[in-house]
Amino acid sequence: MPGTKLGLGEDMPRAAMMEWSGWALKKNYFFDDPSMNAAQRAARTTVPILAAGASDDLWASPRQMDLLTAQLSAAKVERKTYTPADLSVKSIGHHGLMRRGVGTGAWDEILAWLQDASQKAQ
């Protein structure tokens, strides 16, 4: 899939794009794919999770992030949804939290969470 030419991010192998598009058509995403055992695997996850997202993410909306994290029933999950106003930017989008100049305003908070979780795990 020529993502760069279409302005959708990185190029993806056709097979990966077909699998992803199949999940996107399912009500519960890959949790409805019996070959994944995703619900059972997610339910066994016990490490702390910080699920950070963006309010204007069209690919992983806050509602979709809630659906994904709800499956992590044995893990302590913290959800953080950043808005463009939080980061003083025009938009964040799908991978914006990882981009310099877009997500930079969130990095200290995310890093502090990771460091705290790492110290608690030791």
PDB file of N, CA and C in Angstrom:
ATOM      1  N   MET A   1       0.851  -1.150   0.000  1.00  0.00           N
ATOM      2  CA  MET A   1       0.000   0.000   0.000  1.00  0.00           C
ATOM      3  C   MET A   1       0.906   1.225   0.000  1.00  0.00           C
ATOM      4  N   PRO A   2       0.800   2.069  -1.000  1.00  0.00           N
ATOM      5  CA  PRO A   2       1.699   3.222  -1.107  1.00  0.00           C
ATOM      6  C   PRO A   2       1.269   4.378  -0.185  1.00  0.00           C
ATOM      7  N   GLY A   3       1.457   4.182   1.099  1.00  0.00           N
ATOM      8  CA  GLY A   3       1.035   5.176   2.081  1.00  0.00           C
ATOM      9  C   GLY A   3       1.664   6.537   1.879  1.00  0.00           C
ATOM     10  N   THR A   4       2.947   6.570   1.509  1.00  0.00           N
ATOM     11  CA  THR A   4       3.610   7.867   1.334  1.00  0.00           C
ATOM     12  C   THR A   4       2.994   8.631   0.164  1.00  0.00           C
ATOM     13  N   LYS A   5       2.701   7.951  -0.928  1.00  0.00           N
ATOM     14  CA  LYS A   5       2.094   8.615  -2.084  1.00  0.00           C
ATOM     15  C   LYS A   5       0.678   9.106  -1.780  1.00  0.00           C
ATOM     16  N   LEU A   6      -0.029   8.378  -0.915  1.00  0.00           N
ATOM     17  CA  LEU A   6      -1.403   8.735  -0.582  1.00  0.00           C
ATOM     18  C   LEU A   6      -1.495   9.689   0.600  1.00  0.00           C
ATOM     19  N   GLY A   7      -0.345  10.023   1.194  1.00  0.00           N
ATOM     20  CA  GLY A   7      -0.341  10.912   2.359  1.00  0.00           C
ATOM     21  C   GLY A   7      -0.867  10.248   3.617  1.00  0.00           C
ATOM     22  N   LEU A   8      -0.736   8.915   3.707  1.00  0.00           N
ATOM     23  CA  LEU A   8      -1.253   8.166   4.848  1.00  0.00           C
ATOM     24  C   LEU A   8      -0.152   7.621   5.746  1.00  0.00           C
ATOM     25  N   GLY A   9       1.041   8.110   5.608  1.00  0.00           N
ATOM     26  CA  GLY A   9       2.149   7.619   6.425  1.00  0.00           C
ATOM     27  C   GLY A   9       3.071   6.734   5.624  1.00  0.00           C
ATOM     28  N   GLU A  10       3.544   5.684   6.249  1.00  0.00           N
ATOM     29  CA  GLU A  10       4.524   4.787   5.638  1.00  0.00           C
ATOM     30  C   GLU A  10       3.873   3.822   4.655  1.00  0.00           C
ATOM     31  N   ASP A  11       4.681   3.328   3.710  1.00  0.00           N
ATOM     32  CA  ASP A  11       4.239   2.265   2.820  1.00  0.00           C
ATOM     33  C   ASP A  11       4.080   0.987   3.639  1.00  0.00           C
ATOM     34  N   MET A  12       3.092   0.184   3.287  1.00  0.00           N
ATOM     35  CA  MET A  12       2.850  -1.071   4.001  1.00  0.00           C
ATOM     36  C   MET A  12       2.765  -2.217   3.008  1.00  0.00           C
ATOM     37  N   PRO A  13       3.256  -3.392   3.384  1.00  0.00           N
ATOM     38  CA  PRO A  13       3.082  -4.554   2.507  1.00  0.00           C
ATOM     39  C   PRO A  13       1.591  -4.827   2.302  1.00  0.00           C
ATOM     40  N   ARG A  14       1.258  -5.288   1.108  1.00  0.00           N
ATOM     41  CA  ARG A  14      -0.143  -5.536   0.759  1.00  0.00           C
ATOM     42  C   ARG A  14      -0.815  -6.472   1.767  1.00  0.00           C
ATOM     43  N   ALA A  15      -0.150  -7.554   2.138  1.00  0.00           N
ATOM     44  CA  ALA A  15      -0.744  -8.532   3.055  1.00  0.00           C
ATOM     45  C   ALA A  15      -1.063  -7.894   4.412  1.00  0.00           C
ATOM     46  N   ALA A  16      -0.166  -7.046   4.902  1.00  0.00           N
ATOM     47  CA  ALA A  16      -0.403  -6.375   6.181  1.00  0.00           C
ATOM     48  C   ALA A  16      -1.591  -5.429   6.079  1.00  0.00           C
ATOM     49  N   MET A  17      -1.677  -4.698   4.987  1.00  0.00           N
ATOM     50  CA  MET A  17      -2.783  -3.765   4.788  1.00  0.00           C
ATOM     51  C   MET A  17      -4.106  -4.518   4.676  1.00  0.00           C
ATOM     52  N   MET A  18      -4.111  -5.646   4.006  1.00  0.00           N
ATOM     53  CA  MET A  18      -5.337  -6.440   3.872  1.00  0.00           C
ATOM     54  C   MET A  18      -5.787  -6.974   5.239  1.00  0.00           C
ATOM     55  N   GLU A  19      -4.824  -7.440   6.035  1.00  0.00           N
ATOM     56  CA  GLU A  19      -5.174  -7.943   7.362  1.00  0.00           C
ATOM     57  C   GLU A  19      -5.727  -6.813   8.217  1.00  0.00           C
ATOM     58  N   TRP A  20      -5.049  -5.673   8.222  1.00  0.00           N
ATOM     59  CA  TRP A  20      -5.496  -4.524   9.012  1.00  0.00           C
ATOM     60  C   TRP A  20      -6.884  -4.072   8.559  1.00  0.00           C
ATOM     61  N   SER A  21      -7.111  -3.997   7.257  1.00  0.00           N
ATOM     62  CA  SER A  21      -8.413  -3.535   6.773  1.00  0.00           C
ATOM     63  C   SER A  21      -9.527  -4.503   7.173  1.00  0.00           C
ATOM     64  N   GLY A  22      -9.212  -5.790   7.231  1.00  0.00           N
ATOM     65  CA  GLY A  22     -10.196  -6.763   7.706  1.00  0.00           C
ATOM     66  C   GLY A  22     -10.558  -6.531   9.163  1.00  0.00           C
ATOM     67  N   TRP A  23      -9.554  -6.245   9.984  1.00  0.00           N
ATOM     68  CA  TRP A  23      -9.819  -5.945  11.398  1.00  0.00           C
ATOM     69  C   TRP A  23     -10.645  -4.675  11.534  1.00  0.00           C
ATOM     70  N   ALA A  24     -10.323  -3.681  10.715  1.00  0.00           N
ATOM     71  CA  ALA A  24     -11.024  -2.391  10.805  1.00  0.00           C
ATOM     72  C   ALA A  24     -12.514  -2.536  10.505  1.00  0.00           C
ATOM     73  N   LEU A  25     -12.892  -3.566   9.781  1.00  0.00           N
ATOM     74  CA  LEU A  25     -14.302  -3.788   9.457  1.00  0.00           C
ATOM     75  C   LEU A  25     -15.046  -4.547  10.556  1.00  0.00           C
ATOM     76  N   LYS A  26     -14.328  -5.079  11.517  1.00  0.00           N
ATOM     77  CA  LYS A  26     -14.951  -5.839  12.596  1.00  0.00           C
ATOM     78  C   LYS A  26     -15.345  -4.906  13.742  1.00  0.00           C
ATOM     79  N   LYS A  27     -16.437  -5.209  14.397  1.00  0.00           N
ATOM     80  CA  LYS A  27     -16.934  -4.367  15.492  1.00  0.00           C
ATOM     81  C   LYS A  27     -15.877  -4.179  16.585  1.00  0.00           C
ATOM     82  N   ASN A  28     -15.223  -5.254  16.954  1.00  0.00           N
ATOM     83  CA  ASN A  28     -14.234  -5.206  18.035  1.00  0.00           C
ATOM     84  C   ASN A  28     -12.810  -5.378  17.529  1.00  0.00           C
ATOM     85  N   TYR A  29     -12.580  -4.893  16.309  1.00  0.00           N
ATOM     86  CA  TYR A  29     -11.251  -4.854  15.715  1.00  0.00           C
ATOM     87  C   TYR A  29     -10.634  -6.253  15.725  1.00  0.00           C
ATOM     88  N   PHE A  30      -9.350  -6.400  16.055  1.00  0.00           N
ATOM     89  CA  PHE A  30      -8.733  -7.729  15.982  1.00  0.00           C
ATOM     90  C   PHE A  30      -9.181  -8.654  17.101  1.00  0.00           C
ATOM     91  N   PHE A  31      -9.916  -8.127  18.076  1.00  0.00           N
ATOM     92  CA  PHE A  31     -10.453  -8.995  19.125  1.00  0.00           C
ATOM     93  C   PHE A  31     -11.504  -9.949  18.558  1.00  0.00           C
ATOM     94  N   ASP A  32     -12.076  -9.619  17.406  1.00  0.00           N
ATOM     95  CA  ASP A  32     -13.048 -10.493  16.748  1.00  0.00           C
ATOM     96  C   ASP A  32     -12.405 -11.445  15.745  1.00  0.00           C
ATOM     97  N   ASP A  33     -11.085 -11.440  15.642  1.00  0.00           N
ATOM     98  CA  ASP A  33     -10.374 -12.346  14.736  1.00  0.00           C
ATOM     99  C   ASP A  33      -9.985 -13.589  15.537  1.00  0.00           C
ATOM    100  N   PRO A  34     -10.663 -14.735  15.282  1.00  0.00           N
ATOM    101  CA  PRO A  34     -10.380 -15.925  16.100  1.00  0.00           C
ATOM    102  C   PRO A  34      -8.942 -16.417  15.998  1.00  0.00           C
ATOM    103  N   SER A  35      -8.231 -16.075  14.938  1.00  0.00           N
ATOM    104  CA  SER A  35      -6.844 -16.530  14.804  1.00  0.00           C
ATOM    105  C   SER A  35      -5.897 -15.767  15.731  1.00  0.00           C
ATOM    106  N   MET A  36      -6.341 -14.659  16.263  1.00  0.00           N
ATOM    107  CA  MET A  36      -5.465 -13.826  17.101  1.00  0.00           C
ATOM    108  C   MET A  36      -5.493 -14.205  18.585  1.00  0.00           C
ATOM    109  N   ASN A  37      -6.602 -14.751  19.070  1.00  0.00           N
ATOM    110  CA  ASN A  37      -6.766 -14.966  20.519  1.00  0.00           C
ATOM    111  C   ASN A  37      -6.455 -13.693  21.292  1.00  0.00           C
ATOM    112  N   ALA A  38      -6.755 -12.569  20.708  1.00  0.00           N
ATOM    113  CA  ALA A  38      -6.357 -11.281  21.277  1.00  0.00           C
ATOM    114  C   ALA A  38      -7.023 -10.987  22.619  1.00  0.00           C
ATOM    115  N   ALA A  39      -8.290 -11.301  22.767  1.00  0.00           N
ATOM    116  CA  ALA A  39      -8.966 -11.020  24.039  1.00  0.00           C
ATOM    117  C   ALA A  39      -8.334 -11.819  25.173  1.00  0.00           C
ATOM    118  N   GLN A  40      -8.062 -13.095  24.924  1.00  0.00           N
ATOM    119  CA  GLN A  40      -7.449 -13.931  25.960  1.00  0.00           C
ATOM    120  C   GLN A  40      -6.036 -13.447  26.284  1.00  0.00           C
ATOM    121  N   ARG A  41      -5.286 -13.107  25.262  1.00  0.00           N
ATOM    122  CA  ARG A  41      -3.919 -12.624  25.488  1.00  0.00           C
ATOM    123  C   ARG A  41      -3.931 -11.288  26.214  1.00  0.00           C
ATOM    124  N   ALA A  42      -4.822 -10.397  25.834  1.00  0.00           N
ATOM    125  CA  ALA A  42      -4.900  -9.098  26.505  1.00  0.00           C
ATOM    126  C   ALA A  42      -5.296  -9.271  27.965  1.00  0.00           C
ATOM    127  N   ALA A  43      -6.204 -10.176  28.233  1.00  0.00           N
ATOM    128  CA  ALA A  43      -6.661 -10.409  29.604  1.00  0.00           C
ATOM    129  C   ALA A  43      -5.552 -10.944  30.496  1.00  0.00           C
ATOM    130  N   ARG A  44      -4.526 -11.558  29.920  1.00  0.00           N
ATOM    131  CA  ARG A  44      -3.393 -12.077  30.703  1.00  0.00           C
ATOM    132  C   ARG A  44      -2.304 -11.028  30.936  1.00  0.00           C
ATOM    133  N   THR A  45      -2.420  -9.887  30.302  1.00  0.00           N
ATOM    134  CA  THR A  45      -1.411  -8.839  30.435  1.00  0.00           C
ATOM    135  C   THR A  45      -1.521  -8.212  31.820  1.00  0.00           C
ATOM    136  N   THR A  46      -0.400  -8.146  32.536  1.00  0.00           N
ATOM    137  CA  THR A  46      -0.434  -7.614  33.904  1.00  0.00           C
ATOM    138  C   THR A  46       0.481  -6.408  34.118  1.00  0.00           C
ATOM    139  N   VAL A  47       1.297  -6.071  33.132  1.00  0.00           N
ATOM    140  CA  VAL A  47       2.179  -4.913  33.302  1.00  0.00           C
ATOM    141  C   VAL A  47       1.356  -3.630  33.246  1.00  0.00           C
ATOM    142  N   PRO A  48       1.793  -2.581  33.944  1.00  0.00           N
ATOM    143  CA  PRO A  48       1.082  -1.301  33.860  1.00  0.00           C
ATOM    144  C   PRO A  48       1.126  -0.757  32.427  1.00  0.00           C
ATOM    145  N   ILE A  49       0.050  -0.131  32.020  1.00  0.00           N
ATOM    146  CA  ILE A  49      -0.086   0.389  30.661  1.00  0.00           C
ATOM    147  C   ILE A  49      -0.436   1.871  30.714  1.00  0.00           C
ATOM    148  N   LEU A  50       0.289   2.666  29.968  1.00  0.00           N
ATOM    149  CA  LEU A  50      -0.117   4.045  29.710  1.00  0.00           C
ATOM    150  C   LEU A  50      -0.562   4.084  28.259  1.00  0.00           C
ATOM    151  N   ALA A  51      -1.833   4.300  28.037  1.00  0.00           N
ATOM    152  CA  ALA A  51      -2.385   4.370  26.684  1.00  0.00           C
ATOM    153  C   ALA A  51      -2.601   5.846  26.362  1.00  0.00           C
ATOM    154  N   ALA A  52      -1.628   6.419  25.666  1.00  0.00           N
ATOM    155  CA  ALA A  52      -1.681   7.843  25.324  1.00  0.00           C
ATOM    156  C   ALA A  52      -2.155   7.986  23.889  1.00  0.00           C
ATOM    157  N   GLY A  53      -3.046   8.910  23.685  1.00  0.00           N
ATOM    158  CA  GLY A  53      -3.570   9.132  22.348  1.00  0.00           C
ATOM    159  C   GLY A  53      -3.901  10.600  22.138  1.00  0.00           C
ATOM    160  N   ALA A  54      -4.480  10.867  20.994  1.00  0.00           N
ATOM    161  CA  ALA A  54      -4.822  12.236  20.611  1.00  0.00           C
ATOM    162  C   ALA A  54      -6.311  12.342  20.328  1.00  0.00           C
ATOM    163  N   SER A  55      -6.887  13.446  20.731  1.00  0.00           N
ATOM    164  CA  SER A  55      -8.319  13.653  20.532  1.00  0.00           C
ATOM    165  C   SER A  55      -8.698  13.727  19.066  1.00  0.00           C
ATOM    166  N   ASP A  56      -7.743  14.101  18.219  1.00  0.00           N
ATOM    167  CA  ASP A  56      -8.032  14.237  16.788  1.00  0.00           C
ATOM    168  C   ASP A  56      -7.424  13.116  15.943  1.00  0.00           C
ATOM    169  N   ASP A  57      -7.170  11.980  16.559  1.00  0.00           N
ATOM    170  CA  ASP A  57      -6.614  10.829  15.845  1.00  0.00           C
ATOM    171  C   ASP A  57      -7.747  10.092  15.142  1.00  0.00           C
ATOM    172  N   LEU A  58      -7.737  10.096  13.831  1.00  0.00           N
ATOM    173  CA  LEU A  58      -8.784   9.427  13.063  1.00  0.00           C
ATOM    174  C   LEU A  58      -8.598   7.919  12.981  1.00  0.00           C
ATOM    175  N   TRP A  59      -7.391   7.424  13.249  1.00  0.00           N
ATOM    176  CA  TRP A  59      -7.099   5.997  13.144  1.00  0.00           C
ATOM    177  C   TRP A  59      -7.254   5.285  14.482  1.00  0.00           C
ATOM    178  N   ALA A  60      -6.993   5.986  15.560  1.00  0.00           N
ATOM    179  CA  ALA A  60      -7.135   5.420  16.908  1.00  0.00           C
ATOM    180  C   ALA A  60      -7.794   6.482  17.781  1.00  0.00           C
ATOM    181  N   SER A  61      -9.083   6.660  17.575  1.00  0.00           N
ATOM    182  CA  SER A  61      -9.835   7.682  18.298  1.00  0.00           C
ATOM    183  C   SER A  61      -9.890   7.336  19.787  1.00  0.00           C
ATOM    184  N   PRO A  62     -10.217   8.296  20.632  1.00  0.00           N
ATOM    185  CA  PRO A  62     -10.363   7.973  22.057  1.00  0.00           C
ATOM    186  C   PRO A  62     -11.335   6.814  22.302  1.00  0.00           C
ATOM    187  N   ARG A  63     -12.434   6.754  21.570  1.00  0.00           N
ATOM    188  CA  ARG A  63     -13.384   5.650  21.723  1.00  0.00           C
ATOM    189  C   ARG A  63     -12.734   4.317  21.344  1.00  0.00           C
ATOM    190  N   GLN A  64     -11.973   4.309  20.258  1.00  0.00           N
ATOM    191  CA  GLN A  64     -11.282   3.086  19.846  1.00  0.00           C
ATOM    192  C   GLN A  64     -10.211   2.689  20.857  1.00  0.00           C
ATOM    193  N   MET A  65      -9.512   3.672  21.397  1.00  0.00           N
ATOM    194  CA  MET A  65      -8.503   3.379  22.429  1.00  0.00           C
ATOM    195  C   MET A  65      -9.165   2.772  23.664  1.00  0.00           C
ATOM    196  N   ASP A  66     -10.343   3.283  24.024  1.00  0.00           N
ATOM    197  CA  ASP A  66     -11.065   2.716  25.163  1.00  0.00           C
ATOM    198  C   ASP A  66     -11.450   1.269  24.894  1.00  0.00           C
ATOM    199  N   LEU A  67     -11.872   0.961  23.663  1.00  0.00           N
ATOM    200  CA  LEU A  67     -12.222  -0.411  23.297  1.00  0.00           C
ATOM    201  C   LEU A  67     -11.000  -1.317  23.448  1.00  0.00           C
ATOM    202  N   LEU A  68      -9.843  -0.859  22.982  1.00  0.00           N
ATOM    203  CA  LEU A  68      -8.626  -1.662  23.077  1.00  0.00           C
ATOM    204  C   LEU A  68      -8.197  -1.867  24.528  1.00  0.00           C
ATOM    205  N   THR A  69      -8.190  -0.802  25.308  1.00  0.00           N
ATOM    206  CA  THR A  69      -7.697  -0.911  26.681  1.00  0.00           C
ATOM    207  C   THR A  69      -8.680  -1.641  27.596  1.00  0.00           C
ATOM    208  N   ALA A  70      -9.962  -1.660  27.256  1.00  0.00           N
ATOM    209  CA  ALA A  70     -10.945  -2.386  28.070  1.00  0.00           C
ATOM    210  C   ALA A  70     -10.622  -3.879  28.120  1.00  0.00           C
ATOM    211  N   GLN A  71      -9.929  -4.379  27.132  1.00  0.00           N
ATOM    212  CA  GLN A  71      -9.572  -5.797  27.074  1.00  0.00           C
ATOM    213  C   GLN A  71      -8.428  -6.151  28.035  1.00  0.00           C
ATOM    214  N   LEU A  72      -7.748  -5.141  28.544  1.00  0.00           N
ATOM    215  CA  LEU A  72      -6.603  -5.352  29.432  1.00  0.00           C
ATOM    216  C   LEU A  72      -7.093  -5.446  30.882  1.00  0.00           C
ATOM    217  N   SER A  73      -7.926  -6.422  31.146  1.00  0.00           N
ATOM    218  CA  SER A  73      -8.637  -6.499  32.424  1.00  0.00           C
ATOM    219  C   SER A  73      -7.746  -6.787  33.632  1.00  0.00           C
ATOM    220  N   ALA A  74      -6.585  -7.369  33.443  1.00  0.00           N
ATOM    221  CA  ALA A  74      -5.703  -7.681  34.575  1.00  0.00           C
ATOM    222  C   ALA A  74      -4.602  -6.636  34.764  1.00  0.00           C
ATOM    223  N   ALA A  75      -4.558  -5.659  33.903  1.00  0.00           N
ATOM    224  CA  ALA A  75      -3.502  -4.642  33.964  1.00  0.00           C
ATOM    225  C   ALA A  75      -4.041  -3.343  34.533  1.00  0.00           C
ATOM    226  N   LYS A  76      -3.167  -2.619  35.189  1.00  0.00           N
ATOM    227  CA  LYS A  76      -3.512  -1.257  35.598  1.00  0.00           C
ATOM    228  C   LYS A  76      -3.298  -0.372  34.368  1.00  0.00           C
ATOM    229  N   VAL A  77      -4.388   0.186  33.859  1.00  0.00           N
ATOM    230  CA  VAL A  77      -4.334   0.988  32.645  1.00  0.00           C
ATOM    231  C   VAL A  77      -4.627   2.444  32.979  1.00  0.00           C
ATOM    232  N   GLU A  78      -3.742   3.307  32.546  1.00  0.00           N
ATOM    233  CA  GLU A  78      -3.989   4.746  32.633  1.00  0.00           C
ATOM    234  C   GLU A  78      -4.167   5.257  31.217  1.00  0.00           C
ATOM    235  N   ARG A  79      -5.242   6.015  31.001  1.00  0.00           N
ATOM    236  CA  ARG A  79      -5.529   6.582  29.688  1.00  0.00           C
ATOM    237  C   ARG A  79      -5.257   8.073  29.728  1.00  0.00           C
ATOM    238  N   LYS A  80      -4.607   8.555  28.717  1.00  0.00           N
ATOM    239  CA  LYS A  80      -4.346   9.995  28.579  1.00  0.00           C
ATOM    240  C   LYS A  80      -4.647  10.364  27.140  1.00  0.00           C
ATOM    241  N   THR A  81      -5.564  11.299  26.963  1.00  0.00           N
ATOM    242  CA  THR A  81      -5.888  11.792  25.634  1.00  0.00           C
ATOM    243  C   THR A  81      -5.460  13.251  25.565  1.00  0.00           C
ATOM    244  N   TYR A  82      -4.518  13.529  24.693  1.00  0.00           N
ATOM    245  CA  TYR A  82      -4.025  14.891  24.495  1.00  0.00           C
ATOM    246  C   TYR A  82      -4.848  15.585  23.417  1.00  0.00           C
ATOM    247  N   THR A  83      -5.125  16.851  23.635  1.00  0.00           N
ATOM    248  CA  THR A  83      -5.784  17.671  22.625  1.00  0.00           C
ATOM    249  C   THR A  83      -4.740  18.578  21.995  1.00  0.00           C
ATOM    250  N   PRO A  84      -4.996  19.075  20.791  1.00  0.00           N
ATOM    251  CA  PRO A  84      -4.062  20.042  20.212  1.00  0.00           C
ATOM    252  C   PRO A  84      -3.821  21.240  21.142  1.00  0.00           C
ATOM    253  N   ALA A  85      -4.858  21.687  21.835  1.00  0.00           N
ATOM    254  CA  ALA A  85      -4.696  22.816  22.767  1.00  0.00           C
ATOM    255  C   ALA A  85      -3.732  22.461  23.904  1.00  0.00           C
ATOM    256  N   ASP A  86      -3.781  21.213  24.382  1.00  0.00           N
ATOM    257  CA  ASP A  86      -2.852  20.770  25.448  1.00  0.00           C
ATOM    258  C   ASP A  86      -1.406  20.966  25.036  1.00  0.00           C
ATOM    259  N   LEU A  87      -1.133  20.742  23.750  1.00  0.00           N
ATOM    260  CA  LEU A  87       0.243  20.772  23.251  1.00  0.00           C
ATOM    261  C   LEU A  87       0.556  22.042  22.461  1.00  0.00           C
ATOM    262  N   SER A  88      -0.394  22.957  22.428  1.00  0.00           N
ATOM    263  CA  SER A  88      -0.222  24.225  21.696  1.00  0.00           C
ATOM    264  C   SER A  88       0.156  24.001  20.237  1.00  0.00           C
ATOM    265  N   VAL A  89      -0.562  23.073  19.600  1.00  0.00           N
ATOM    266  CA  VAL A  89      -0.340  22.778  18.185  1.00  0.00           C
ATOM    267  C   VAL A  89      -1.682  22.825  17.463  1.00  0.00           C
ATOM    268  N   LYS A  90      -1.617  22.908  16.133  1.00  0.00           N
ATOM    269  CA  LYS A  90      -2.835  22.958  15.325  1.00  0.00           C
ATOM    270  C   LYS A  90      -3.544  21.602  15.299  1.00  0.00           C
ATOM    271  N   SER A  91      -2.762  20.532  15.173  1.00  0.00           N
ATOM    272  CA  SER A  91      -3.324  19.181  15.176  1.00  0.00           C
ATOM    273  C   SER A  91      -2.257  18.199  15.648  1.00  0.00           C
ATOM    274  N   ILE A  92      -2.719  17.050  16.124  1.00  0.00           N
ATOM    275  CA  ILE A  92      -1.805  15.991  16.572  1.00  0.00           C
ATOM    276  C   ILE A  92      -1.859  14.824  15.591  1.00  0.00           C
ATOM    277  N   GLY A  93      -3.038  14.289  15.351  1.00  0.00           N
ATOM    278  CA  GLY A  93      -3.187  13.192  14.403  1.00  0.00           C
ATOM    279  C   GLY A  93      -2.712  11.858  14.941  1.00  0.00           C
ATOM    280  N   HIS A  94      -2.500  10.908  14.022  1.00  0.00           N
ATOM    281  CA  HIS A  94      -2.249   9.520  14.428  1.00  0.00           C
ATOM    282  C   HIS A  94      -0.891   9.307  15.095  1.00  0.00           C
ATOM    283  N   HIS A  95       0.184   9.655  14.497  1.00  0.00           N
ATOM    284  CA  HIS A  95       1.502   9.453  15.111  1.00  0.00           C
ATOM    285  C   HIS A  95       2.094  10.755  15.637  1.00  0.00           C
ATOM    286  N   GLY A  96       1.276  11.760  15.788  1.00  0.00           N
ATOM    287  CA  GLY A  96       1.764  13.078  16.191  1.00  0.00           C
ATOM    288  C   GLY A  96       2.474  13.122  17.527  1.00  0.00           C
ATOM    289  N   LEU A  97       2.057  12.281  18.462  1.00  0.00           N
ATOM    290  CA  LEU A  97       2.722  12.304  19.771  1.00  0.00           C
ATOM    291  C   LEU A  97       4.184  11.905  19.673  1.00  0.00           C
ATOM    292  N   MET A  98       4.553  11.232  18.596  1.00  0.00           N
ATOM    293  CA  MET A  98       5.939  10.813  18.409  1.00  0.00           C
ATOM    294  C   MET A  98       6.742  11.799  17.570  1.00  0.00           C
ATOM    295  N   ARG A  99       6.094  12.830  17.058  1.00  0.00           N
ATOM    296  CA  ARG A  99       6.785  13.769  16.167  1.00  0.00           C
ATOM    297  C   ARG A  99       7.291  14.990  16.928  1.00  0.00           C
ATOM    298  N   ARG A 100       8.557  15.306  16.678  1.00  0.00           N
ATOM    299  CA  ARG A 100       9.157  16.519  17.240  1.00  0.00           C
ATOM    300  C   ARG A 100       8.359  17.717  16.733  1.00  0.00           C
ATOM    301  N   GLY A 101       8.069  18.625  17.622  1.00  0.00           N
ATOM    302  CA  GLY A 101       7.318  19.817  17.249  1.00  0.00           C
ATOM    303  C   GLY A 101       5.813  19.636  17.362  1.00  0.00           C
ATOM    304  N   VAL A 102       5.351  18.399  17.454  1.00  0.00           N
ATOM    305  CA  VAL A 102       3.922  18.133  17.666  1.00  0.00           C
ATOM    306  C   VAL A 102       3.743  17.540  19.060  1.00  0.00           C
ATOM    307  N   GLY A 103       4.334  16.396  19.288  1.00  0.00           N
ATOM    308  CA  GLY A 103       4.158  15.702  20.557  1.00  0.00           C
ATOM    309  C   GLY A 103       5.141  16.071  21.636  1.00  0.00           C
ATOM    310  N   THR A 104       6.091  16.920  21.303  1.00  0.00           N
ATOM    311  CA  THR A 104       7.154  17.261  22.243  1.00  0.00           C
ATOM    312  C   THR A 104       6.611  17.696  23.606  1.00  0.00           C
ATOM    313  N   GLY A 105       5.498  18.412  23.607  1.00  0.00           N
ATOM    314  CA  GLY A 105       4.907  18.891  24.858  1.00  0.00           C
ATOM    315  C   GLY A 105       4.391  17.776  25.756  1.00  0.00           C
ATOM    316  N   ALA A 106       4.215  16.590  25.234  1.00  0.00           N
ATOM    317  CA  ALA A 106       3.736  15.447  26.021  1.00  0.00           C
ATOM    318  C   ALA A 106       4.879  14.563  26.510  1.00  0.00           C
ATOM    319  N   TRP A 107       6.043  14.716  25.915  1.00  0.00           N
ATOM    320  CA  TRP A 107       7.130  13.773  26.179  1.00  0.00           C
ATOM    321  C   TRP A 107       7.565  13.729  27.637  1.00  0.00           C
ATOM    322  N   ASP A 108       7.678  14.863  28.303  1.00  0.00           N
ATOM    323  CA  ASP A 108       8.120  14.844  29.704  1.00  0.00           C
ATOM    324  C   ASP A 108       7.138  14.070  30.579  1.00  0.00           C
ATOM    325  N   GLU A 109       5.841  14.273  30.344  1.00  0.00           N
ATOM    326  CA  GLU A 109       4.827  13.570  31.130  1.00  0.00           C
ATOM    327  C   GLU A 109       4.864  12.062  30.857  1.00  0.00           C
ATOM    328  N   ILE A 110       5.001  11.690  29.591  1.00  0.00           N
ATOM    329  CA  ILE A 110       5.066  10.275  29.227  1.00  0.00           C
ATOM    330  C   ILE A 110       6.341   9.633  29.774  1.00  0.00           C
ATOM    331  N   LEU A 111       7.459  10.331  29.653  1.00  0.00           N
ATOM    332  CA  LEU A 111       8.724   9.817  30.181  1.00  0.00           C
ATOM    333  C   LEU A 111       8.652   9.652  31.698  1.00  0.00           C
ATOM    334  N   ALA A 112       8.060  10.603  32.392  1.00  0.00           N
ATOM    335  CA  ALA A 112       7.925  10.498  33.851  1.00  0.00           C
ATOM    336  C   ALA A 112       7.083   9.282  34.223  1.00  0.00           C
ATOM    337  N   TRP A 113       6.007   9.022  33.463  1.00  0.00           N
ATOM    338  CA  TRP A 113       5.179   7.840  33.728  1.00  0.00           C
ATOM    339  C   TRP A 113       5.999   6.571  33.533  1.00  0.00           C
ATOM    340  N   LEU A 114       6.755   6.502  32.446  1.00  0.00           N
ATOM    341  CA  LEU A 114       7.579   5.331  32.163  1.00  0.00           C
ATOM    342  C   LEU A 114       8.643   5.111  33.243  1.00  0.00           C
ATOM    343  N   GLN A 115       9.283   6.180  33.671  1.00  0.00           N
ATOM    344  CA  GLN A 115      10.302   6.053  34.713  1.00  0.00           C
ATOM    345  C   GLN A 115       9.690   5.592  36.025  1.00  0.00           C
ATOM    346  N   ASP A 116       8.520   6.132  36.376  1.00  0.00           N
ATOM    347  CA  ASP A 116       7.838   5.734  37.596  1.00  0.00           C
ATOM    348  C   ASP A 116       7.441   4.247  37.528  1.00  0.00           C
ATOM    349  N   ALA A 117       6.892   3.828  36.409  1.00  0.00           N
ATOM    350  CA  ALA A 117       6.497   2.434  36.244  1.00  0.00           C
ATOM    351  C   ALA A 117       7.705   1.515  36.318  1.00  0.00           C
ATOM    352  N   SER A 118       8.823   1.953  35.736  1.00  0.00           N
ATOM    353  CA  SER A 118      10.047   1.156  35.763  1.00  0.00           C
ATOM    354  C   SER A 118      10.569   1.013  37.189  1.00  0.00           C
ATOM    355  N   GLN A 119      10.540   2.087  37.960  1.00  0.00           N
ATOM    356  CA  GLN A 119      11.019   2.019  39.338  1.00  0.00           C
ATOM    357  C   GLN A 119      10.127   1.130  40.197  1.00  0.00           C
ATOM    358  N   LYS A 120       8.830   1.184  39.973  1.00  0.00           N
ATOM    359  CA  LYS A 120       7.901   0.341  40.740  1.00  0.00           C
ATOM    360  C   LYS A 120       8.086  -1.131  40.393  1.00  0.00           C
ATOM    361  N   ALA A 121       8.543  -1.428  39.187  1.00  0.00           N
ATOM    362  CA  ALA A 121       8.720  -2.814  38.748  1.00  0.00           C
ATOM    363  C   ALA A 121       9.976  -3.444  39.324  1.00  0.00           C
ATOM    364  N   GLN A 122      10.886  -2.648  39.809  1.00  0.00           N
ATOM    365  CA  GLN A 122      12.160  -3.185  40.319  1.00  0.00           C
ATOM    366  C   GLN A 122      12.045  -3.680  41.731  1.00  0.00           C
TER     367      GLN A 122
END
